Amino acid sequence: MSKLTLSVDEGVSSRAKRYARERGVSVSEMVEAYLSAVATPPSGADLDPPILRSVRGSLKKADMAAYRRHLAAKFR
């Protein structure tokens, strides 16, 4: 186990301690879980934001030539 020293605003520290106490965990456990989550490389689907995942596949039948003509006319 490695030791890490952090500098955190006093208000943030107090709220974090209260939050941890209410959930029966330590602040160290919370920080470790957070760092583990952000330090783990995302896998395939996690690379896209949720909004993109929600619309993926919706343009499979799109006519790209028509869309390019539309853009060309729009930005003349």
N, C-alpha and C. Protein backbone atom coordinates (compact mmCIF):
# COMPACT_ATOMS: atom_id res chain seq x y z
N MET A 1 0.85 -1.17 0.00
CA MET A 1 0.00 0.00 0.00
C MET A 1 0.89 1.23 0.00
N SER A 2 0.58 2.18 -0.86
CA SER A 2 1.35 3.41 -0.98
C SER A 2 0.63 4.54 -0.25
N LYS A 3 1.40 5.44 0.32
CA LYS A 3 0.82 6.58 1.02
C LYS A 3 0.86 7.79 0.10
N LEU A 4 -0.22 8.58 0.10
CA LEU A 4 -0.35 9.74 -0.76
C LEU A 4 -0.84 10.91 0.07
N THR A 5 -0.19 12.04 -0.05
CA THR A 5 -0.59 13.24 0.68
C THR A 5 -1.27 14.19 -0.28
N LEU A 6 -2.47 14.64 0.05
CA LEU A 6 -3.24 15.54 -0.80
C LEU A 6 -3.50 16.85 -0.06
N SER A 7 -3.55 17.93 -0.81
CA SER A 7 -3.96 19.22 -0.26
C SER A 7 -5.36 19.50 -0.78
N VAL A 8 -6.32 19.64 0.14
CA VAL A 8 -7.71 19.80 -0.23
C VAL A 8 -8.30 20.94 0.60
N ASP A 9 -9.18 21.72 -0.03
CA ASP A 9 -9.88 22.78 0.67
C ASP A 9 -10.56 22.22 1.92
N GLU A 10 -10.53 22.97 3.01
CA GLU A 10 -11.07 22.50 4.28
C GLU A 10 -12.55 22.14 4.18
N GLY A 11 -13.32 22.93 3.44
CA GLY A 11 -14.75 22.64 3.27
C GLY A 11 -14.97 21.34 2.53
N VAL A 12 -14.17 21.12 1.50
CA VAL A 12 -14.28 19.88 0.72
C VAL A 12 -13.91 18.69 1.61
N SER A 13 -12.87 18.85 2.38
CA SER A 13 -12.42 17.79 3.28
C SER A 13 -13.51 17.43 4.28
N SER A 14 -14.14 18.43 4.88
CA SER A 14 -15.21 18.19 5.86
C SER A 14 -16.39 17.47 5.23
N ARG A 15 -16.79 17.91 4.03
CA ARG A 15 -17.92 17.26 3.35
C ARG A 15 -17.57 15.83 2.96
N ALA A 16 -16.33 15.61 2.53
CA ALA A 16 -15.89 14.27 2.15
C ALA A 16 -15.90 13.34 3.36
N LYS A 17 -15.44 13.82 4.49
CA LYS A 17 -15.43 13.00 5.70
C LYS A 17 -16.86 12.66 6.13
N ARG A 18 -17.76 13.62 6.05
CA ARG A 18 -19.16 13.39 6.41
C ARG A 18 -19.78 12.37 5.45
N TYR A 19 -19.54 12.54 4.17
CA TYR A 19 -20.06 11.64 3.14
C TYR A 19 -19.55 10.21 3.38
N ALA A 20 -18.26 10.08 3.66
CA ALA A 20 -17.66 8.77 3.91
C ALA A 20 -18.26 8.13 5.17
N ARG A 21 -18.37 8.91 6.22
CA ARG A 21 -18.92 8.39 7.48
C ARG A 21 -20.35 7.88 7.29
N GLU A 22 -21.16 8.64 6.54
CA GLU A 22 -22.55 8.24 6.30
C GLU A 22 -22.64 6.94 5.51
N ARG A 23 -21.62 6.65 4.73
CA ARG A 23 -21.64 5.45 3.90
C ARG A 23 -20.80 4.31 4.47
N GLY A 24 -20.19 4.55 5.61
CA GLY A 24 -19.43 3.51 6.27
C GLY A 24 -18.13 3.15 5.58
N VAL A 25 -17.52 4.13 4.92
CA VAL A 25 -16.23 3.91 4.28
C VAL A 25 -15.28 5.01 4.73
N SER A 26 -14.01 4.84 4.42
CA SER A 26 -13.04 5.88 4.75
C SER A 26 -12.85 6.80 3.55
N VAL A 27 -12.33 7.97 3.82
CA VAL A 27 -12.02 8.90 2.72
C VAL A 27 -10.94 8.26 1.84
N SER A 28 -10.02 7.55 2.43
CA SER A 28 -8.98 6.87 1.64
C SER A 28 -9.60 5.87 0.68
N GLU A 29 -10.59 5.11 1.13
CA GLU A 29 -11.27 4.15 0.25
C GLU A 29 -11.98 4.87 -0.90
N MET A 30 -12.61 6.00 -0.58
CA MET A 30 -13.30 6.77 -1.62
C MET A 30 -12.31 7.29 -2.65
N VAL A 31 -11.19 7.85 -2.20
CA VAL A 31 -10.19 8.39 -3.11
C VAL A 31 -9.59 7.27 -3.94
N GLU A 32 -9.32 6.13 -3.32
CA GLU A 32 -8.76 5.00 -4.05
C GLU A 32 -9.73 4.52 -5.14
N ALA A 33 -11.01 4.43 -4.81
CA ALA A 33 -12.01 4.00 -5.80
C ALA A 33 -12.08 4.99 -6.96
N TYR A 34 -12.05 6.29 -6.64
CA TYR A 34 -12.10 7.31 -7.67
C TYR A 34 -10.87 7.24 -8.57
N LEU A 35 -9.69 7.19 -7.97
CA LEU A 35 -8.45 7.14 -8.76
C LEU A 35 -8.39 5.87 -9.61
N SER A 36 -8.87 4.77 -9.07
CA SER A 36 -8.90 3.54 -9.84
C SER A 36 -9.82 3.68 -11.04
N ALA A 37 -10.97 4.32 -10.85
CA ALA A 37 -11.92 4.50 -11.94
C ALA A 37 -11.37 5.39 -13.04
N VAL A 38 -10.72 6.48 -12.68
CA VAL A 38 -10.23 7.40 -13.70
C VAL A 38 -8.90 6.94 -14.31
N ALA A 39 -8.17 6.08 -13.62
CA ALA A 39 -6.88 5.62 -14.13
C ALA A 39 -7.00 4.36 -14.98
N THR A 40 -8.18 3.75 -15.00
CA THR A 40 -8.39 2.55 -15.81
C THR A 40 -8.75 2.97 -17.23
N PRO A 41 -8.03 2.48 -18.22
CA PRO A 41 -8.34 2.85 -19.60
C PRO A 41 -9.76 2.39 -19.96
N PRO A 42 -10.52 3.25 -20.63
CA PRO A 42 -11.88 2.86 -21.01
C PRO A 42 -11.86 1.75 -22.04
N SER A 43 -12.91 0.95 -22.02
CA SER A 43 -13.02 -0.11 -23.01
C SER A 43 -13.96 0.35 -24.11
N GLY A 44 -13.84 -0.23 -25.28
CA GLY A 44 -14.61 0.06 -26.48
C GLY A 44 -15.73 1.07 -26.38
N ALA A 45 -16.91 0.66 -25.91
CA ALA A 45 -18.09 1.51 -25.90
C ALA A 45 -17.93 2.70 -24.96
N ASP A 46 -17.08 2.57 -23.95
CA ASP A 46 -16.90 3.65 -22.99
C ASP A 46 -16.15 4.84 -23.56
N LEU A 47 -15.58 4.70 -24.76
CA LEU A 47 -14.84 5.80 -25.36
C LEU A 47 -15.77 6.93 -25.80
N ASP A 48 -17.00 6.59 -26.15
CA ASP A 48 -17.95 7.59 -26.62
C ASP A 48 -18.79 8.11 -25.46
N PRO A 49 -19.10 9.41 -25.48
CA PRO A 49 -19.98 9.95 -24.45
C PRO A 49 -21.37 9.33 -24.59
N PRO A 50 -22.16 9.33 -23.51
CA PRO A 50 -23.48 8.72 -23.54
C PRO A 50 -24.38 9.23 -24.67
N ILE A 51 -24.30 10.52 -24.99
CA ILE A 51 -25.16 11.06 -26.04
C ILE A 51 -24.85 10.41 -27.38
N LEU A 52 -23.56 10.14 -27.64
CA LEU A 52 -23.20 9.48 -28.90
C LEU A 52 -23.63 8.02 -28.90
N ARG A 53 -23.48 7.35 -27.75
CA ARG A 53 -23.92 5.96 -27.68
C ARG A 53 -25.41 5.85 -27.92
N SER A 54 -26.18 6.85 -27.49
CA SER A 54 -27.64 6.79 -27.63
C SER A 54 -28.09 6.92 -29.08
N VAL A 55 -27.29 7.54 -29.94
CA VAL A 55 -27.69 7.72 -31.34
C VAL A 55 -26.91 6.83 -32.29
N ARG A 56 -26.00 6.01 -31.79
CA ARG A 56 -25.20 5.15 -32.64
C ARG A 56 -26.11 4.24 -33.46
N GLY A 57 -25.84 4.19 -34.74
CA GLY A 57 -26.59 3.33 -35.64
C GLY A 57 -27.81 3.98 -36.24
N SER A 58 -28.17 5.18 -35.82
CA SER A 58 -29.39 5.80 -36.31
C SER A 58 -29.25 6.32 -37.74
N LEU A 59 -28.04 6.44 -38.26
CA LEU A 59 -27.84 6.94 -39.62
C LEU A 59 -27.34 5.86 -40.59
N LYS A 60 -27.59 4.60 -40.27
CA LYS A 60 -27.09 3.52 -41.12
C LYS A 60 -27.61 3.63 -42.55
N LYS A 61 -28.83 4.10 -42.73
CA LYS A 61 -29.43 4.17 -44.06
C LYS A 61 -29.38 5.59 -44.63
N ALA A 62 -28.55 6.43 -44.06
CA ALA A 62 -28.46 7.83 -44.51
C ALA A 62 -27.82 7.91 -45.90
N ASP A 63 -28.30 8.84 -46.69
CA ASP A 63 -27.75 9.09 -48.02
C ASP A 63 -26.68 10.17 -47.87
N MET A 64 -25.42 9.74 -47.79
CA MET A 64 -24.33 10.67 -47.54
C MET A 64 -24.14 11.65 -48.70
N ALA A 65 -24.39 11.23 -49.92
CA ALA A 65 -24.26 12.13 -51.07
C ALA A 65 -25.28 13.27 -50.96
N ALA A 66 -26.50 12.94 -50.55
CA ALA A 66 -27.53 13.97 -50.38
C ALA A 66 -27.14 14.93 -49.26
N TYR A 67 -26.56 14.39 -48.20
CA TYR A 67 -26.14 15.23 -47.08
C TYR A 67 -25.02 16.18 -47.51
N ARG A 68 -24.08 15.69 -48.30
CA ARG A 68 -22.99 16.54 -48.79
C ARG A 68 -23.54 17.65 -49.69
N ARG A 69 -24.52 17.30 -50.54
CA ARG A 69 -25.15 18.34 -51.38
C ARG A 69 -25.85 19.38 -50.53
N HIS A 70 -26.53 18.93 -49.50
CA HIS A 70 -27.20 19.84 -48.57
C HIS A 70 -26.19 20.80 -47.92
N LEU A 71 -25.08 20.26 -47.45
CA LEU A 71 -24.06 21.10 -46.80
C LEU A 71 -23.45 22.08 -47.80
N ALA A 72 -23.19 21.61 -49.02
CA ALA A 72 -22.62 22.48 -50.03
C ALA A 72 -23.56 23.64 -50.33
N ALA A 73 -24.84 23.36 -50.44
CA ALA A 73 -25.82 24.42 -50.71
C ALA A 73 -25.96 25.36 -49.51
N LYS A 74 -25.94 24.78 -48.33
CA LYS A 74 -26.13 25.58 -47.11
C LYS A 74 -24.98 26.57 -46.89
N PHE A 75 -23.77 26.18 -47.19
CA PHE A 75 -22.61 27.00 -46.88
C PHE A 75 -22.01 27.70 -48.13
N ARG A 76 -22.83 27.93 -49.13
CA ARG A 76 -22.36 28.67 -50.31
C ARG A 76 -22.23 30.12 -49.99
